[in-house]
Amino acid sequence: MKTQQYSNHVRYYPPHHFVFYPVIMLLLFISIRGIWLNAANTWLWIMVALLTLITGWLSFMMRQHYALTTQNRIVRLELRLRYYQLTQQRLESIEDQLSIKQLAALRFASDEEFVSLIQRTLSEGLSPDAIKQAVKHWLPDTMRV
């Protein structure tokens, strides 16, 4: 497996990104074309277009919602454990000062820079992207959704 770092950490889910969503887009295109070219059945094509659009949107939202909610909870738990192991203090006391996006970005930091990067994030208000760029020793996360 390729070494994970800032430039290659984005992950795609092929069935959704490269099959399902292109099919939805194709159906939407066909139905819009049907609306445009087939005046006799305009309402039918409008309904097909709306159903296609709603199906694609709901599919995207449900897939994202379930996966991201679970992933966010796991990231929080992982970071709480790591922080406690490294400092013998609970992360919960400062966790509310960090957004979930900042916490997710901090998971890429190695143990050597994890605590100092948390302190820097708190003091400087680093954005998630700035946190990822500040990581010197990238800790890959290969099991995320």
C-alpha atoms as a PDB file:
ATOM      1  CA  MET A   1       0.000   0.000   0.000  1.00  0.00           C
ATOM      2  CA  LYS A   2       1.185   3.487  -0.844  1.00  0.00           C
ATOM      3  CA  THR A   3       2.414   5.575   2.119  1.00  0.00           C
ATOM      4  CA  GLN A   4      -0.335   7.945   3.195  1.00  0.00           C
ATOM      5  CA  GLN A   5       0.366  11.651   3.512  1.00  0.00           C
ATOM      6  CA  TYR A   6      -1.364  14.996   2.953  1.00  0.00           C
ATOM      7  CA  SER A   7      -1.233  14.834  -0.847  1.00  0.00           C
ATOM      8  CA  ASN A   8      -2.904  11.397  -1.140  1.00  0.00           C
ATOM      9  CA  HIS A   9      -5.188  11.002   1.890  1.00  0.00           C
ATOM     10  CA  VAL A  10      -8.522  11.438   0.056  1.00  0.00           C
ATOM     11  CA  ARG A  11     -10.385   8.164  -0.376  1.00  0.00           C
ATOM     12  CA  TYR A  12     -13.115   7.227  -2.857  1.00  0.00           C
ATOM     13  CA  TYR A  13     -15.763   4.501  -2.623  1.00  0.00           C
ATOM     14  CA  PRO A  14     -15.924   3.204  -6.224  1.00  0.00           C
ATOM     15  CA  PRO A  15     -19.503   1.813  -6.243  1.00  0.00           C
ATOM     16  CA  HIS A  16     -20.892   5.188  -5.191  1.00  0.00           C
ATOM     17  CA  HIS A  17     -18.426   7.594  -6.772  1.00  0.00           C
ATOM     18  CA  PHE A  18     -17.885   5.825 -10.089  1.00  0.00           C
ATOM     19  CA  VAL A  19     -21.061   3.727 -10.661  1.00  0.00           C
ATOM     20  CA  PHE A  20     -24.148   4.834  -8.728  1.00  0.00           C
ATOM     21  CA  TYR A  21     -23.715   8.597  -8.999  1.00  0.00           C
ATOM     22  CA  PRO A  22     -22.800   8.566 -12.704  1.00  0.00           C
ATOM     23  CA  VAL A  23     -25.911   6.429 -13.356  1.00  0.00           C
ATOM     24  CA  ILE A  24     -28.045   8.919 -11.404  1.00  0.00           C
ATOM     25  CA  MET A  25     -26.519  11.782 -13.401  1.00  0.00           C
ATOM     26  CA  LEU A  26     -27.206   9.924 -16.663  1.00  0.00           C
ATOM     27  CA  LEU A  27     -30.837   9.293 -15.676  1.00  0.00           C
ATOM     28  CA  LEU A  28     -31.204  12.943 -14.721  1.00  0.00           C
ATOM     29  CA  PHE A  29     -29.750  14.010 -18.080  1.00  0.00           C
ATOM     30  CA  ILE A  30     -32.097  11.623 -19.973  1.00  0.00           C
ATOM     31  CA  SER A  31     -35.140  12.868 -18.074  1.00  0.00           C
ATOM     32  CA  ILE A  32     -34.234  16.538 -18.655  1.00  0.00           C
ATOM     33  CA  ARG A  33     -33.731  15.725 -22.335  1.00  0.00           C
ATOM     34  CA  GLY A  34     -37.145  13.999 -22.308  1.00  0.00           C
ATOM     35  CA  ILE A  35     -38.727  17.124 -20.825  1.00  0.00           C
ATOM     36  CA  TRP A  36     -37.090  19.247 -23.509  1.00  0.00           C
ATOM     37  CA  LEU A  37     -37.825  17.059 -26.550  1.00  0.00           C
ATOM     38  CA  ASN A  38     -41.042  15.206 -25.697  1.00  0.00           C
ATOM     39  CA  ALA A  39     -43.799  17.790 -25.230  1.00  0.00           C
ATOM     40  CA  ALA A  40     -46.548  15.129 -25.082  1.00  0.00           C
ATOM     41  CA  ASN A  41     -45.140  13.503 -21.945  1.00  0.00           C
ATOM     42  CA  THR A  42     -43.561  16.520 -20.236  1.00  0.00           C
ATOM     43  CA  TRP A  43     -45.139  15.825 -16.830  1.00  0.00           C
ATOM     44  CA  LEU A  44     -44.011  12.204 -16.910  1.00  0.00           C
ATOM     45  CA  TRP A  45     -40.420  13.250 -17.603  1.00  0.00           C
ATOM     46  CA  ILE A  46     -40.611  15.920 -14.902  1.00  0.00           C
ATOM     47  CA  MET A  47     -41.679  13.241 -12.409  1.00  0.00           C
ATOM     48  CA  VAL A  48     -38.883  10.922 -13.563  1.00  0.00           C
ATOM     49  CA  ALA A  49     -36.380  13.774 -13.169  1.00  0.00           C
ATOM     50  CA  LEU A  50     -37.650  14.641  -9.687  1.00  0.00           C
ATOM     51  CA  LEU A  51     -37.630  11.013  -8.538  1.00  0.00           C
ATOM     52  CA  THR A  52     -34.105  10.549  -9.896  1.00  0.00           C
ATOM     53  CA  LEU A  53     -32.907  13.718  -8.202  1.00  0.00           C
ATOM     54  CA  ILE A  54     -34.522  12.832  -4.871  1.00  0.00           C
ATOM     55  CA  THR A  55     -33.177   9.256  -4.993  1.00  0.00           C
ATOM     56  CA  GLY A  56     -29.639  10.458  -5.671  1.00  0.00           C
ATOM     57  CA  TRP A  57     -29.797  13.140  -2.995  1.00  0.00           C
ATOM     58  CA  LEU A  58     -31.249  10.816  -0.329  1.00  0.00           C
ATOM     59  CA  SER A  59     -28.713   8.121  -1.138  1.00  0.00           C
ATOM     60  CA  PHE A  60     -25.858  10.573  -0.790  1.00  0.00           C
ATOM     61  CA  MET A  61     -27.168  12.049   2.456  1.00  0.00           C
ATOM     62  CA  MET A  62     -27.874   8.708   4.138  1.00  0.00           C
ATOM     63  CA  ARG A  63     -24.535   7.193   3.156  1.00  0.00           C
ATOM     64  CA  GLN A  64     -22.671  10.245   4.357  1.00  0.00           C
ATOM     65  CA  HIS A  65     -24.654  10.688   7.546  1.00  0.00           C
ATOM     66  CA  TYR A  66     -24.292   7.154   8.875  1.00  0.00           C
ATOM     67  CA  ALA A  67     -20.667   6.725   7.949  1.00  0.00           C
ATOM     68  CA  LEU A  68     -19.526  10.139   9.163  1.00  0.00           C
ATOM     69  CA  THR A  69     -21.417   9.962  12.452  1.00  0.00           C
ATOM     70  CA  THR A  70     -19.829   6.628  13.266  1.00  0.00           C
ATOM     71  CA  GLN A  71     -16.414   7.758  12.083  1.00  0.00           C
ATOM     72  CA  ASN A  72     -16.597  10.956  14.176  1.00  0.00           C
ATOM     73  CA  ARG A  73     -17.402   8.982  17.321  1.00  0.00           C
ATOM     74  CA  ILE A  74     -14.527   6.586  16.681  1.00  0.00           C
ATOM     75  CA  VAL A  75     -12.099   9.462  16.018  1.00  0.00           C
ATOM     76  CA  ARG A  76     -13.083  11.108  19.309  1.00  0.00           C
ATOM     77  CA  LEU A  77     -12.589   7.855  21.214  1.00  0.00           C
ATOM     78  CA  GLU A  78      -9.253   7.182  19.530  1.00  0.00           C
ATOM     79  CA  LEU A  79      -7.986  10.662  20.317  1.00  0.00           C
ATOM     80  CA  ARG A  80      -9.173  10.468  23.924  1.00  0.00           C
ATOM     81  CA  LEU A  81      -7.257   7.219  24.370  1.00  0.00           C
ATOM     82  CA  ARG A  82      -4.104   8.526  22.703  1.00  0.00           C
ATOM     83  CA  TYR A  83      -4.179  11.770  24.672  1.00  0.00           C
ATOM     84  CA  TYR A  84      -4.633   9.901  27.953  1.00  0.00           C
ATOM     85  CA  GLN A  85      -1.847   7.448  27.143  1.00  0.00           C
ATOM     86  CA  LEU A  86       0.539  10.292  26.338  1.00  0.00           C
ATOM     87  CA  THR A  87      -0.373  12.779  29.081  1.00  0.00           C
ATOM     88  CA  GLN A  88      -2.256  10.829  31.769  1.00  0.00           C
ATOM     89  CA  GLN A  89      -4.940  13.540  31.472  1.00  0.00           C
ATOM     90  CA  ARG A  90      -8.408  13.399  29.964  1.00  0.00           C
ATOM     91  CA  LEU A  91      -8.956  15.058  26.588  1.00  0.00           C
ATOM     92  CA  GLU A  92     -12.572  15.841  27.484  1.00  0.00           C
ATOM     93  CA  SER A  93     -11.449  18.901  29.460  1.00  0.00           C
ATOM     94  CA  ILE A  94     -10.232  20.616  26.264  1.00  0.00           C
ATOM     95  CA  GLU A  95     -12.150  18.659  23.618  1.00  0.00           C
ATOM     96  CA  ASP A  96     -15.030  21.160  23.521  1.00  0.00           C
ATOM     97  CA  GLN A  97     -12.605  23.846  22.339  1.00  0.00           C
ATOM     98  CA  LEU A  98     -11.823  21.840  19.189  1.00  0.00           C
ATOM     99  CA  SER A  99     -14.173  21.181  16.290  1.00  0.00           C
ATOM    100  CA  ILE A 100     -14.677  17.644  15.021  1.00  0.00           C
ATOM    101  CA  LYS A 101     -12.813  18.652  11.851  1.00  0.00           C
ATOM    102  CA  GLN A 102      -9.818  19.791  13.910  1.00  0.00           C
ATOM    103  CA  LEU A 103      -9.942  16.557  15.917  1.00  0.00           C
ATOM    104  CA  ALA A 104     -10.110  14.515  12.710  1.00  0.00           C
ATOM    105  CA  ALA A 105      -7.070  16.364  11.350  1.00  0.00           C
ATOM    106  CA  LEU A 106      -5.147  15.778  14.593  1.00  0.00           C
ATOM    107  CA  ARG A 107      -5.456  12.012  14.196  1.00  0.00           C
ATOM    108  CA  PHE A 108      -2.817  12.134  11.462  1.00  0.00           C
ATOM    109  CA  ALA A 109      -0.165  13.423  13.887  1.00  0.00           C
ATOM    110  CA  SER A 110       2.349  10.940  15.287  1.00  0.00           C
ATOM    111  CA  ASP A 111       2.549  10.459  19.047  1.00  0.00           C
ATOM    112  CA  GLU A 112       5.688  12.615  19.199  1.00  0.00           C
ATOM    113  CA  GLU A 113       3.882  15.693  17.864  1.00  0.00           C
ATOM    114  CA  PHE A 114       0.286  14.953  18.882  1.00  0.00           C
ATOM    115  CA  VAL A 115       0.151  16.765  22.232  1.00  0.00           C
ATOM    116  CA  SER A 116       2.147  19.785  21.080  1.00  0.00           C
ATOM    117  CA  LEU A 117      -0.038  20.090  17.972  1.00  0.00           C
ATOM    118  CA  ILE A 118      -3.165  20.054  20.154  1.00  0.00           C
ATOM    119  CA  GLN A 119      -1.706  22.863  22.264  1.00  0.00           C
ATOM    120  CA  ARG A 120      -0.745  24.793  19.133  1.00  0.00           C
ATOM    121  CA  THR A 121      -4.229  24.308  17.688  1.00  0.00           C
ATOM    122  CA  LEU A 122      -5.787  25.622  20.889  1.00  0.00           C
ATOM    123  CA  SER A 123      -3.516  28.640  21.098  1.00  0.00           C
ATOM    124  CA  GLU A 124      -3.407  29.559  17.399  1.00  0.00           C
ATOM    125  CA  GLY A 125      -6.815  28.282  16.282  1.00  0.00           C
ATOM    126  CA  LEU A 126      -5.349  26.249  13.418  1.00  0.00           C
ATOM    127  CA  SER A 127      -7.735  25.163  10.686  1.00  0.00           C
ATOM    128  CA  PRO A 128      -8.023  21.442   9.896  1.00  0.00           C
ATOM    129  CA  ASP A 129      -6.022  21.940   6.705  1.00  0.00           C
ATOM    130  CA  ALA A 130      -3.305  23.850   8.577  1.00  0.00           C
ATOM    131  CA  ILE A 131      -3.144  21.044  11.151  1.00  0.00           C
ATOM    132  CA  LYS A 132      -2.636  18.440   8.416  1.00  0.00           C
ATOM    133  CA  GLN A 133       0.077  20.550   6.799  1.00  0.00           C
ATOM    134  CA  ALA A 134       1.826  20.985  10.168  1.00  0.00           C
ATOM    135  CA  VAL A 135       2.129  17.220  10.683  1.00  0.00           C
ATOM    136  CA  LYS A 136       5.763  16.222  10.168  1.00  0.00           C
ATOM    137  CA  HIS A 137       5.418  12.472  10.761  1.00  0.00           C
ATOM    138  CA  TRP A 138       2.147  11.427   9.141  1.00  0.00           C
ATOM    139  CA  LEU A 139       0.250   8.642  10.913  1.00  0.00           C
ATOM    140  CA  PRO A 140      -1.816   7.010   8.157  1.00  0.00           C
ATOM    141  CA  ASP A 141      -5.506   6.286   8.610  1.00  0.00           C
ATOM    142  CA  THR A 142      -6.213   3.501   6.120  1.00  0.00           C
ATOM    143  CA  MET A 143      -9.432   2.179   7.666  1.00  0.00           C
ATOM    144  CA  ARG A 144     -11.725   5.192   7.334  1.00  0.00           C
ATOM    145  CA  VAL A 145     -14.948   5.356   5.372  1.00  0.00           C
END
